[in-house]
Amino acid sequence: MNRRATQRPTPFLFSMKGHVLFSQSTIATCFIVLSLCFSAVGAAADETPSSTASAWTTSAPDYRGFIQGGYSIGRVYSEFGAGRTDRRSSFVGSAAYLQFPFAIKVDARQDEFISSDNTGGQGTLFRTPDGALNFSPQFDARQSNVDARLELELLDPHIYLGVGYLQTANNYGFPKLRGVGLGLEKLPDFDPSYGIYFSAFYYPTVTGKFDADPAGPNPGQSFTQQYRLLKYDVAVDVPIQQSPIYLAAGFSGDRFYHRHGATLDQTHAGPYVALGVRF
């Protein structure tokens, strides 16, 4: 066994007790970008002549948007989890605003799990993006991602083609990955009985920088970590009669295909239940 495997956990691991995975500046930037998108979409809709709108093979939605959140019971496969089951703070959430023929959608996921014991002594061995072998006692790991999507309706009912910007975060010191992708999405219909929803977005390159541990074999050096990423969701929504509130149940997840600075693919996926409100 590599001698470094028996050393004390490296300093970057001590950040894993934090619960906030996205900084206030990141959240503020997302809100600013979304506000600008709302303004641009609204202006475009106001300036579109009725004769042009009639040329679309789609129709205006019968709702303006929705917000939903739920609890996920998934499994994680990564450097830190070999089929670990989600627990406690694992969730999915989304929000959308529709302005015919456009839609803006934000989709988030977080998985929390106890890292795998792959040492036989309640410890986790893993490789960092610089290739160094590291050790930590088992810990409460969290990984999340959020993507913002700008979409154009292609077909009824509510089928959209979109472009997305995604960012990941974690509490164990690995890089925050960012990238742009494309996808297809069917937004909910909110029919009186039930509705079907699905989405699939592909991000060909999500990239982040890793600063090596000063006490490790590559002090002062930066390394690139890069994946291809597929994010998907399939769900059914059931409205509560005489109410804008609805229930949803589905299966969602993501798949990270390693390209550079990683030794394994990653998967975070599983069923979920959610509660939402439309407006």
Foldseek 3Di string as FASTA:
>chain_A
DPPQAPDAFFPLQVQLVDDDFDDPVRVVVVVVVVVVVVVVLVVVLVPDDPVVVVVAQADAAPFFKKKKKWAFFKFKDFLFGNGFTFDDPWMKIKMKGDDPQKMKMKIKTKGKGWGDDPPVPQKGWGAFLVGDIHIHRTDTKMKMKMKMWIWGDRHPPQKTKIKIWMWMGIRRQHWIWIFIWIKIWRDWRQPQAKTKIKMKIKTQKIKGKHADRCPDPDHPDIFMWIWIKMWMWIKMWGCDPPFQKIKMKTKIWMWTHGDHSGDDIMIIIGIIIMIMGTD
